[in-house]
Amino acid sequence: MATRYPREFRQQAIELVRLDAQPITRIAHDLGVSDQTLRNWAKQADIDEGRRGGVTTDEHAEMVRLRRANRVLEMENEILKRAAAFFARENVLPK
């Protein structure tokens, strides 16, 4: 999924928030983003840097990758079960 704002833009916005010179709503308005978006960026940056507890961006990406792999394995397992049942039926029935 492509992000709307470049990583450098988000990092600079987070630095402005951390300077605490202006309210977040003012910074967000000046940058043309939602104030909640800016808060989310700052919160996730704190998590990624270990300043705050939570799921890091890398951990989230890994969980997404593992869930997809798990879905594929479950589908493959189901296909193998059906194939085994099909071939078992073929061998039992008289011809």
PDB file of N, CA and C in Angstrom:
ATOM      1  N   MET A   1       0.847  -1.164   0.000  1.00  0.00           N
ATOM      2  CA  MET A   1       0.000   0.000   0.000  1.00  0.00           C
ATOM      3  C   MET A   1       0.901   1.238   0.000  1.00  0.00           C
ATOM      4  N   ALA A   2       0.670   2.100  -0.935  1.00  0.00           N
ATOM      5  CA  ALA A   2       1.471   3.316  -1.034  1.00  0.00           C
ATOM      6  C   ALA A   2       1.005   4.331   0.014  1.00  0.00           C
ATOM      7  N   THR A   3       1.959   5.046   0.583  1.00  0.00           N
ATOM      8  CA  THR A   3       1.610   6.072   1.561  1.00  0.00           C
ATOM      9  C   THR A   3       1.400   7.394   0.846  1.00  0.00           C
ATOM     10  N   ARG A   4       0.551   8.196   1.421  1.00  0.00           N
ATOM     11  CA  ARG A   4       0.212   9.469   0.801  1.00  0.00           C
ATOM     12  C   ARG A   4       1.324  10.493   0.984  1.00  0.00           C
ATOM     13  N   TYR A   5       1.991  10.435   2.120  1.00  0.00           N
ATOM     14  CA  TYR A   5       3.036  11.400   2.427  1.00  0.00           C
ATOM     15  C   TYR A   5       4.390  10.689   2.474  1.00  0.00           C
ATOM     16  N   PRO A   6       5.408  11.310   1.913  1.00  0.00           N
ATOM     17  CA  PRO A   6       6.744  10.688   1.945  1.00  0.00           C
ATOM     18  C   PRO A   6       7.265  10.568   3.380  1.00  0.00           C
ATOM     19  N   ARG A   7       8.129   9.583   3.593  1.00  0.00           N
ATOM     20  CA  ARG A   7       8.691   9.335   4.918  1.00  0.00           C
ATOM     21  C   ARG A   7       9.405  10.568   5.466  1.00  0.00           C
ATOM     22  N   GLU A   8      10.151  11.279   4.609  1.00  0.00           N
ATOM     23  CA  GLU A   8      10.891  12.467   5.060  1.00  0.00           C
ATOM     24  C   GLU A   8       9.939  13.548   5.576  1.00  0.00           C
ATOM     25  N   PHE A   9       8.823  13.715   4.881  1.00  0.00           N
ATOM     26  CA  PHE A   9       7.821  14.702   5.300  1.00  0.00           C
ATOM     27  C   PHE A   9       7.288  14.353   6.685  1.00  0.00           C
ATOM     28  N   ARG A  10       6.957  13.080   6.888  1.00  0.00           N
ATOM     29  CA  ARG A  10       6.435  12.649   8.187  1.00  0.00           C
ATOM     30  C   ARG A  10       7.472  12.833   9.290  1.00  0.00           C
ATOM     31  N   GLN A  11       8.737  12.502   8.993  1.00  0.00           N
ATOM     32  CA  GLN A  11       9.781  12.667  10.008  1.00  0.00           C
ATOM     33  C   GLN A  11       9.959  14.127  10.398  1.00  0.00           C
ATOM     34  N   GLN A  12       9.932  15.016   9.423  1.00  0.00           N
ATOM     35  CA  GLN A  12      10.066  16.442   9.731  1.00  0.00           C
ATOM     36  C   GLN A  12       8.859  16.942  10.517  1.00  0.00           C
ATOM     37  N   ALA A  13       7.677  16.446  10.184  1.00  0.00           N
ATOM     38  CA  ALA A  13       6.477  16.841  10.924  1.00  0.00           C
ATOM     39  C   ALA A  13       6.566  16.381  12.375  1.00  0.00           C
ATOM     40  N   ILE A  14       7.068  15.172  12.591  1.00  0.00           N
ATOM     41  CA  ILE A  14       7.222  14.647  13.950  1.00  0.00           C
ATOM     42  C   ILE A  14       8.232  15.477  14.731  1.00  0.00           C
ATOM     43  N   GLU A  15       9.313  15.884  14.077  1.00  0.00           N
ATOM     44  CA  GLU A  15      10.300  16.735  14.741  1.00  0.00           C
ATOM     45  C   GLU A  15       9.682  18.062  15.165  1.00  0.00           C
ATOM     46  N   LEU A  16       8.822  18.624  14.325  1.00  0.00           N
ATOM     47  CA  LEU A  16       8.141  19.877  14.685  1.00  0.00           C
ATOM     48  C   LEU A  16       7.253  19.676  15.906  1.00  0.00           C
ATOM     49  N   VAL A  17       6.566  18.551  15.954  1.00  0.00           N
ATOM     50  CA  VAL A  17       5.702  18.261  17.104  1.00  0.00           C
ATOM     51  C   VAL A  17       6.545  18.130  18.368  1.00  0.00           C
ATOM     52  N   ARG A  18       7.684  17.468  18.265  1.00  0.00           N
ATOM     53  CA  ARG A  18       8.533  17.235  19.439  1.00  0.00           C
ATOM     54  C   ARG A  18       9.198  18.511  19.942  1.00  0.00           C
ATOM     55  N   LEU A  19       9.369  19.503  19.067  1.00  0.00           N
ATOM     56  CA  LEU A  19       9.914  20.783  19.529  1.00  0.00           C
ATOM     57  C   LEU A  19       8.975  21.464  20.501  1.00  0.00           C
ATOM     58  N   ASP A  20       7.690  21.143  20.374  1.00  0.00           N
ATOM     59  CA  ASP A  20       6.660  21.652  21.288  1.00  0.00           C
ATOM     60  C   ASP A  20       6.583  23.177  21.292  1.00  0.00           C
ATOM     61  N   ALA A  21       6.937  23.803  20.168  1.00  0.00           N
ATOM     62  CA  ALA A  21       6.883  25.257  20.073  1.00  0.00           C
ATOM     63  C   ALA A  21       5.467  25.744  19.767  1.00  0.00           C
ATOM     64  N   GLN A  22       4.698  24.897  19.073  1.00  0.00           N
ATOM     65  CA  GLN A  22       3.323  25.258  18.706  1.00  0.00           C
ATOM     66  C   GLN A  22       2.410  24.077  18.987  1.00  0.00           C
ATOM     67  N   PRO A  23       1.118  24.335  19.121  1.00  0.00           N
ATOM     68  CA  PRO A  23       0.168  23.230  19.315  1.00  0.00           C
ATOM     69  C   PRO A  23       0.123  22.326  18.070  1.00  0.00           C
ATOM     70  N   ILE A  24      -0.208  21.080  18.291  1.00  0.00           N
ATOM     71  CA  ILE A  24      -0.269  20.119  17.187  1.00  0.00           C
ATOM     72  C   ILE A  24      -1.287  20.553  16.137  1.00  0.00           C
ATOM     73  N   THR A  25      -2.406  21.102  16.582  1.00  0.00           N
ATOM     74  CA  THR A  25      -3.422  21.516  15.608  1.00  0.00           C
ATOM     75  C   THR A  25      -2.881  22.589  14.668  1.00  0.00           C
ATOM     76  N   ARG A  26      -2.086  23.489  15.201  1.00  0.00           N
ATOM     77  CA  ARG A  26      -1.489  24.555  14.377  1.00  0.00           C
ATOM     78  C   ARG A  26      -0.475  23.976  13.379  1.00  0.00           C
ATOM     79  N   ILE A  27       0.380  23.084  13.859  1.00  0.00           N
ATOM     80  CA  ILE A  27       1.378  22.460  12.987  1.00  0.00           C
ATOM     81  C   ILE A  27       0.675  21.666  11.886  1.00  0.00           C
ATOM     82  N   ALA A  28      -0.346  20.904  12.275  1.00  0.00           N
ATOM     83  CA  ALA A  28      -1.078  20.096  11.299  1.00  0.00           C
ATOM     84  C   ALA A  28      -1.726  20.982  10.238  1.00  0.00           C
ATOM     85  N   HIS A  29      -2.327  22.077  10.674  1.00  0.00           N
ATOM     86  CA  HIS A  29      -2.962  22.998   9.724  1.00  0.00           C
ATOM     87  C   HIS A  29      -1.931  23.587   8.769  1.00  0.00           C
ATOM     88  N   ASP A  30      -0.788  23.999   9.307  1.00  0.00           N
ATOM     89  CA  ASP A  30       0.270  24.578   8.471  1.00  0.00           C
ATOM     90  C   ASP A  30       0.810  23.572   7.454  1.00  0.00           C
ATOM     91  N   LEU A  31       0.864  22.300   7.844  1.00  0.00           N
ATOM     92  CA  LEU A  31       1.387  21.260   6.948  1.00  0.00           C
ATOM     93  C   LEU A  31       0.329  20.691   6.009  1.00  0.00           C
ATOM     94  N   GLY A  32      -0.929  20.986   6.296  1.00  0.00           N
ATOM     95  CA  GLY A  32      -2.011  20.497   5.447  1.00  0.00           C
ATOM     96  C   GLY A  32      -2.403  19.056   5.717  1.00  0.00           C
ATOM     97  N   VAL A  33      -2.228  18.628   6.971  1.00  0.00           N
ATOM     98  CA  VAL A  33      -2.651  17.283   7.362  1.00  0.00           C
ATOM     99  C   VAL A  33      -3.617  17.391   8.529  1.00  0.00           C
ATOM    100  N   SER A  34      -4.323  16.312   8.774  1.00  0.00           N
ATOM    101  CA  SER A  34      -5.238  16.263   9.908  1.00  0.00           C
ATOM    102  C   SER A  34      -4.433  16.242  11.204  1.00  0.00           C
ATOM    103  N   ASP A  35      -4.969  16.886  12.237  1.00  0.00           N
ATOM    104  CA  ASP A  35      -4.252  16.879  13.514  1.00  0.00           C
ATOM    105  C   ASP A  35      -4.195  15.472  14.103  1.00  0.00           C
ATOM    106  N   GLN A  36      -5.227  14.663  13.867  1.00  0.00           N
ATOM    107  CA  GLN A  36      -5.205  13.283  14.357  1.00  0.00           C
ATOM    108  C   GLN A  36      -4.158  12.461  13.609  1.00  0.00           C
ATOM    109  N   THR A  37      -3.992  12.730  12.326  1.00  0.00           N
ATOM    110  CA  THR A  37      -2.950  12.047  11.552  1.00  0.00           C
ATOM    111  C   THR A  37      -1.584  12.358  12.133  1.00  0.00           C
ATOM    112  N   LEU A  38      -1.356  13.605  12.445  1.00  0.00           N
ATOM    113  CA  LEU A  38      -0.075  14.020  13.013  1.00  0.00           C
ATOM    114  C   LEU A  38       0.146  13.383  14.388  1.00  0.00           C
ATOM    115  N   ARG A  39      -0.913  13.309  15.187  1.00  0.00           N
ATOM    116  CA  ARG A  39      -0.800  12.636  16.491  1.00  0.00           C
ATOM    117  C   ARG A  39      -0.455  11.154  16.302  1.00  0.00           C
ATOM    118  N   ASN A  40      -1.108  10.511  15.330  1.00  0.00           N
ATOM    119  CA  ASN A  40      -0.828   9.100  15.066  1.00  0.00           C
ATOM    120  C   ASN A  40       0.623   8.892  14.637  1.00  0.00           C
ATOM    121  N   TRP A  41       1.125   9.762  13.782  1.00  0.00           N
ATOM    122  CA  TRP A  41       2.519   9.676  13.336  1.00  0.00           C
ATOM    123  C   TRP A  41       3.461   9.791  14.532  1.00  0.00           C
ATOM    124  N   ALA A  42       3.193  10.771  15.391  1.00  0.00           N
ATOM    125  CA  ALA A  42       4.055  10.991  16.558  1.00  0.00           C
ATOM    126  C   ALA A  42       3.993   9.794  17.511  1.00  0.00           C
ATOM    127  N   LYS A  43       2.794   9.266  17.718  1.00  0.00           N
ATOM    128  CA  LYS A  43       2.627   8.110  18.601  1.00  0.00           C
ATOM    129  C   LYS A  43       3.386   6.908  18.043  1.00  0.00           C
ATOM    130  N   GLN A  44       3.243   6.637  16.743  1.00  0.00           N
ATOM    131  CA  GLN A  44       3.919   5.489  16.141  1.00  0.00           C
ATOM    132  C   GLN A  44       5.432   5.669  16.153  1.00  0.00           C
ATOM    133  N   ALA A  45       5.897   6.892  15.965  1.00  0.00           N
ATOM    134  CA  ALA A  45       7.339   7.161  16.023  1.00  0.00           C
ATOM    135  C   ALA A  45       7.867   6.880  17.429  1.00  0.00           C
ATOM    136  N   ASP A  46       7.100   7.264  18.459  1.00  0.00           N
ATOM    137  CA  ASP A  46       7.506   6.981  19.838  1.00  0.00           C
ATOM    138  C   ASP A  46       7.577   5.472  20.092  1.00  0.00           C
ATOM    139  N   ILE A  47       6.617   4.734  19.548  1.00  0.00           N
ATOM    140  CA  ILE A  47       6.609   3.276  19.709  1.00  0.00           C
ATOM    141  C   ILE A  47       7.814   2.670  18.993  1.00  0.00           C
ATOM    142  N   ASP A  48       8.057   3.113  17.762  1.00  0.00           N
ATOM    143  CA  ASP A  48       9.172   2.571  16.979  1.00  0.00           C
ATOM    144  C   ASP A  48      10.526   2.854  17.621  1.00  0.00           C
ATOM    145  N   GLU A  49      10.626   3.975  18.317  1.00  0.00           N
ATOM    146  CA  GLU A  49      11.886   4.359  18.954  1.00  0.00           C
ATOM    147  C   GLU A  49      12.006   3.838  20.378  1.00  0.00           C
ATOM    148  N   GLY A  50      11.003   3.128  20.862  1.00  0.00           N
ATOM    149  CA  GLY A  50      11.067   2.529  22.192  1.00  0.00           C
ATOM    150  C   GLY A  50      10.698   3.471  23.319  1.00  0.00           C
ATOM    151  N   ARG A  51      10.196   4.628  23.004  1.00  0.00           N
ATOM    152  CA  ARG A  51       9.804   5.584  24.047  1.00  0.00           C
ATOM    153  C   ARG A  51       8.452   5.230  24.660  1.00  0.00           C
ATOM    154  N   ARG A  52       7.713   4.378  23.969  1.00  0.00           N
ATOM    155  CA  ARG A  52       6.353   4.053  24.360  1.00  0.00           C
ATOM    156  C   ARG A  52       6.107   2.587  24.022  1.00  0.00           C
ATOM    157  N   GLY A  53       5.266   1.937  24.796  1.00  0.00           N
ATOM    158  CA  GLY A  53       4.944   0.540  24.525  1.00  0.00           C
ATOM    159  C   GLY A  53       3.960   0.403  23.379  1.00  0.00           C
ATOM    160  N   GLY A  54       4.026  -0.717  22.710  1.00  0.00           N
ATOM    161  CA  GLY A  54       3.101  -0.984  21.615  1.00  0.00           C
ATOM    162  C   GLY A  54       3.779  -1.797  20.525  1.00  0.00           C
ATOM    163  N   VAL A  55       3.043  -2.015  19.437  1.00  0.00           N
ATOM    164  CA  VAL A  55       3.532  -2.799  18.315  1.00  0.00           C
ATOM    165  C   VAL A  55       4.264  -1.882  17.341  1.00  0.00           C
ATOM    166  N   THR A  56       5.533  -2.184  17.088  1.00  0.00           N
ATOM    167  CA  THR A  56       6.314  -1.359  16.180  1.00  0.00           C
ATOM    168  C   THR A  56       5.868  -1.599  14.739  1.00  0.00           C
ATOM    169  N   THR A  57       6.285  -0.718  13.859  1.00  0.00           N
ATOM    170  CA  THR A  57       5.946  -0.833  12.447  1.00  0.00           C
ATOM    171  C   THR A  57       6.499  -2.125  11.870  1.00  0.00           C
ATOM    172  N   ASP A  58       7.725  -2.478  12.232  1.00  0.00           N
ATOM    173  CA  ASP A  58       8.331  -3.714  11.738  1.00  0.00           C
ATOM    174  C   ASP A  58       7.591  -4.944  12.247  1.00  0.00           C
ATOM    175  N   GLU A  59       7.204  -4.924  13.511  1.00  0.00           N
ATOM    176  CA  GLU A  59       6.457  -6.051  14.069  1.00  0.00           C
ATOM    177  C   GLU A  59       5.111  -6.201  13.375  1.00  0.00           C
ATOM    178  N   HIS A  60       4.462  -5.083  13.101  1.00  0.00           N
ATOM    179  CA  HIS A  60       3.170  -5.117  12.417  1.00  0.00           C
ATOM    180  C   HIS A  60       3.317  -5.709  11.018  1.00  0.00           C
ATOM    181  N   ALA A  61       4.347  -5.282  10.300  1.00  0.00           N
ATOM    182  CA  ALA A  61       4.583  -5.807   8.954  1.00  0.00           C
ATOM    183  C   ALA A  61       4.860  -7.307   9.001  1.00  0.00           C
ATOM    184  N   GLU A  62       5.600  -7.744  10.009  1.00  0.00           N
ATOM    185  CA  GLU A  62       5.901  -9.170  10.156  1.00  0.00           C
ATOM    186  C   GLU A  62       4.628  -9.962  10.456  1.00  0.00           C
ATOM    187  N   MET A  63       3.762  -9.420  11.309  1.00  0.00           N
ATOM    188  CA  MET A  63       2.503 -10.100  11.613  1.00  0.00           C
ATOM    189  C   MET A  63       1.630 -10.221  10.365  1.00  0.00           C
ATOM    190  N   VAL A  64       1.571  -9.178   9.568  1.00  0.00           N
ATOM    191  CA  VAL A  64       0.795  -9.218   8.329  1.00  0.00           C
ATOM    192  C   VAL A  64       1.348 -10.291   7.403  1.00  0.00           C
ATOM    193  N   ARG A  65       2.676 -10.335   7.254  1.00  0.00           N
ATOM    194  CA  ARG A  65       3.309 -11.328   6.392  1.00  0.00           C
ATOM    195  C   ARG A  65       3.027 -12.746   6.890  1.00  0.00           C
ATOM    196  N   LEU A  66       3.131 -12.960   8.194  1.00  0.00           N
ATOM    197  CA  LEU A  66       2.893 -14.281   8.756  1.00  0.00           C
ATOM    198  C   LEU A  66       1.435 -14.705   8.635  1.00  0.00           C
ATOM    199  N   ARG A  67       0.513 -13.768   8.794  1.00  0.00           N
ATOM    200  CA  ARG A  67      -0.908 -14.101   8.633  1.00  0.00           C
ATOM    201  C   ARG A  67      -1.218 -14.515   7.203  1.00  0.00           C
ATOM    202  N   ARG A  68      -0.624 -13.817   6.244  1.00  0.00           N
ATOM    203  CA  ARG A  68      -0.821 -14.188   4.842  1.00  0.00           C
ATOM    204  C   ARG A  68      -0.251 -15.571   4.570  1.00  0.00           C
ATOM    205  N   ALA A  69       0.944 -15.832   5.065  1.00  0.00           N
ATOM    206  CA  ALA A  69       1.571 -17.141   4.865  1.00  0.00           C
ATOM    207  C   ALA A  69       0.731 -18.230   5.523  1.00  0.00           C
ATOM    208  N   ASN A  70       0.186 -17.941   6.687  1.00  0.00           N
ATOM    209  CA  ASN A  70      -0.653 -18.906   7.389  1.00  0.00           C
ATOM    210  C   ASN A  70      -1.910 -19.217   6.584  1.00  0.00           C
ATOM    211  N   ARG A  71      -2.537 -18.206   5.997  1.00  0.00           N
ATOM    212  CA  ARG A  71      -3.721 -18.420   5.165  1.00  0.00           C
ATOM    213  C   ARG A  71      -3.403 -19.321   3.979  1.00  0.00           C
ATOM    214  N   VAL A  72      -2.255 -19.083   3.344  1.00  0.00           N
ATOM    215  CA  VAL A  72      -1.853 -19.907   2.191  1.00  0.00           C
ATOM    216  C   VAL A  72      -1.643 -21.349   2.639  1.00  0.00           C
ATOM    217  N   LEU A  73      -0.961 -21.554   3.752  1.00  0.00           N
ATOM    218  CA  LEU A  73      -0.727 -22.905   4.253  1.00  0.00           C
ATOM    219  C   LEU A  73      -2.031 -23.610   4.612  1.00  0.00           C
ATOM    220  N   GLU A  74      -2.973 -22.883   5.201  1.00  0.00           N
ATOM    221  CA  GLU A  74      -4.265 -23.481   5.529  1.00  0.00           C
ATOM    222  C   GLU A  74      -5.010 -23.895   4.266  1.00  0.00           C
ATOM    223  N   MET A  75      -4.964 -23.062   3.222  1.00  0.00           N
ATOM    224  CA  MET A  75      -5.620 -23.423   1.961  1.00  0.00           C
ATOM    225  C   MET A  75      -4.951 -24.652   1.344  1.00  0.00           C
ATOM    226  N   GLU A  76      -3.625 -24.682   1.356  1.00  0.00           N
ATOM    227  CA  GLU A  76      -2.904 -25.829   0.804  1.00  0.00           C
ATOM    228  C   GLU A  76      -3.233 -27.101   1.576  1.00  0.00           C
ATOM    229  N   ASN A  77      -3.316 -26.987   2.884  1.00  0.00           N
ATOM    230  CA  ASN A  77      -3.669 -28.130   3.716  1.00  0.00           C
ATOM    231  C   ASN A  77      -5.069 -28.638   3.385  1.00  0.00           C
ATOM    232  N   GLU A  78      -6.011 -27.736   3.194  1.00  0.00           N
ATOM    233  CA  GLU A  78      -7.379 -28.113   2.845  1.00  0.00           C
ATOM    234  C   GLU A  78      -7.423 -28.818   1.487  1.00  0.00           C
ATOM    235  N   ILE A  79      -6.656 -28.330   0.533  1.00  0.00           N
ATOM    236  CA  ILE A  79      -6.594 -28.961  -0.786  1.00  0.00           C
ATOM    237  C   ILE A  79      -6.035 -30.378  -0.668  1.00  0.00           C
ATOM    238  N   LEU A  80      -4.988 -30.544   0.128  1.00  0.00           N
ATOM    239  CA  LEU A  80      -4.405 -31.871   0.316  1.00  0.00           C
ATOM    240  C   LEU A  80      -5.377 -32.829   1.000  1.00  0.00           C
ATOM    241  N   LYS A  81      -6.142 -32.337   1.971  1.00  0.00           N
ATOM    242  CA  LYS A  81      -7.147 -33.171   2.626  1.00  0.00           C
ATOM    243  C   LYS A  81      -8.186 -33.647   1.633  1.00  0.00           C
ATOM    244  N   ARG A  82      -8.653 -32.729   0.798  1.00  0.00           N
ATOM    245  CA  ARG A  82      -9.670 -33.104  -0.197  1.00  0.00           C
ATOM    246  C   ARG A  82      -9.106 -34.074  -1.229  1.00  0.00           C
ATOM    247  N   ALA A  83      -7.872 -33.863  -1.629  1.00  0.00           N
ATOM    248  CA  ALA A  83      -7.246 -34.779  -2.591  1.00  0.00           C
ATOM    249  C   ALA A  83      -7.086 -36.167  -1.978  1.00  0.00           C
ATOM    250  N   ALA A  84      -6.673 -36.228  -0.726  1.00  0.00           N
ATOM    251  CA  ALA A  84      -6.518 -37.516  -0.059  1.00  0.00           C
ATOM    252  C   ALA A  84      -7.862 -38.230   0.040  1.00  0.00           C
ATOM    253  N   ALA A  85      -8.910 -37.512   0.377  1.00  0.00           N
ATOM    254  CA  ALA A  85     -10.250 -38.107   0.461  1.00  0.00           C
ATOM    255  C   ALA A  85     -10.706 -38.588  -0.908  1.00  0.00           C
ATOM    256  N   PHE A  86     -10.438 -37.828  -1.934  1.00  0.00           N
ATOM    257  CA  PHE A  86     -10.821 -38.210  -3.292  1.00  0.00           C
ATOM    258  C   PHE A  86     -10.125 -39.499  -3.712  1.00  0.00           C
ATOM    259  N   PHE A  87      -8.817 -39.553  -3.514  1.00  0.00           N
ATOM    260  CA  PHE A  87      -8.074 -40.739  -3.912  1.00  0.00           C
ATOM    261  C   PHE A  87      -8.412 -41.941  -3.038  1.00  0.00           C
ATOM    262  N   ALA A  88      -8.749 -41.729  -1.774  1.00  0.00           N
ATOM    263  CA  ALA A  88      -9.161 -42.822  -0.904  1.00  0.00           C
ATOM    264  C   ALA A  88     -10.477 -43.394  -1.403  1.00  0.00           C
ATOM    265  N   ARG A  89     -11.406 -42.570  -1.833  1.00  0.00           N
ATOM    266  CA  ARG A  89     -12.672 -43.015  -2.388  1.00  0.00           C
ATOM    267  C   ARG A  89     -12.467 -43.798  -3.684  1.00  0.00           C
ATOM    268  N   GLU A  90     -11.556 -43.348  -4.495  1.00  0.00           N
ATOM    269  CA  GLU A  90     -11.258 -44.027  -5.764  1.00  0.00           C
ATOM    270  C   GLU A  90     -10.744 -45.437  -5.538  1.00  0.00           C
ATOM    271  N   ASN A  91      -9.944 -45.639  -4.517  1.00  0.00           N
ATOM    272  CA  ASN A  91      -9.351 -46.940  -4.264  1.00  0.00           C
ATOM    273  C   ASN A  91     -10.309 -47.916  -3.575  1.00  0.00           C
ATOM    274  N   VAL A  92     -11.342 -47.426  -2.919  1.00  0.00           N
ATOM    275  CA  VAL A  92     -12.268 -48.269  -2.174  1.00  0.00           C
ATOM    276  C   VAL A  92     -13.382 -48.782  -3.076  1.00  0.00           C
ATOM    277  N   LEU A  93     -13.910 -47.970  -3.931  1.00  0.00           N
ATOM    278  CA  LEU A  93     -15.041 -48.352  -4.770  1.00  0.00           C
ATOM    279  C   LEU A  93     -14.625 -49.357  -5.838  1.00  0.00           C
ATOM    280  N   PRO A  94     -15.447 -50.400  -6.042  1.00  0.00           N
ATOM    281  CA  PRO A  94     -15.120 -51.354  -7.122  1.00  0.00           C
ATOM    282  C   PRO A  94     -15.326 -50.707  -8.477  1.00  0.00           C
ATOM    283  N   LYS A  95     -14.583 -51.173  -9.449  1.00  0.00           N
ATOM    284  CA  LYS A  95     -14.693 -50.601 -10.791  1.00  0.00           C
ATOM    285  C   LYS A  95     -15.517 -51.482 -11.683  1.00  0.00           C
TER     286      LYS A  95
END
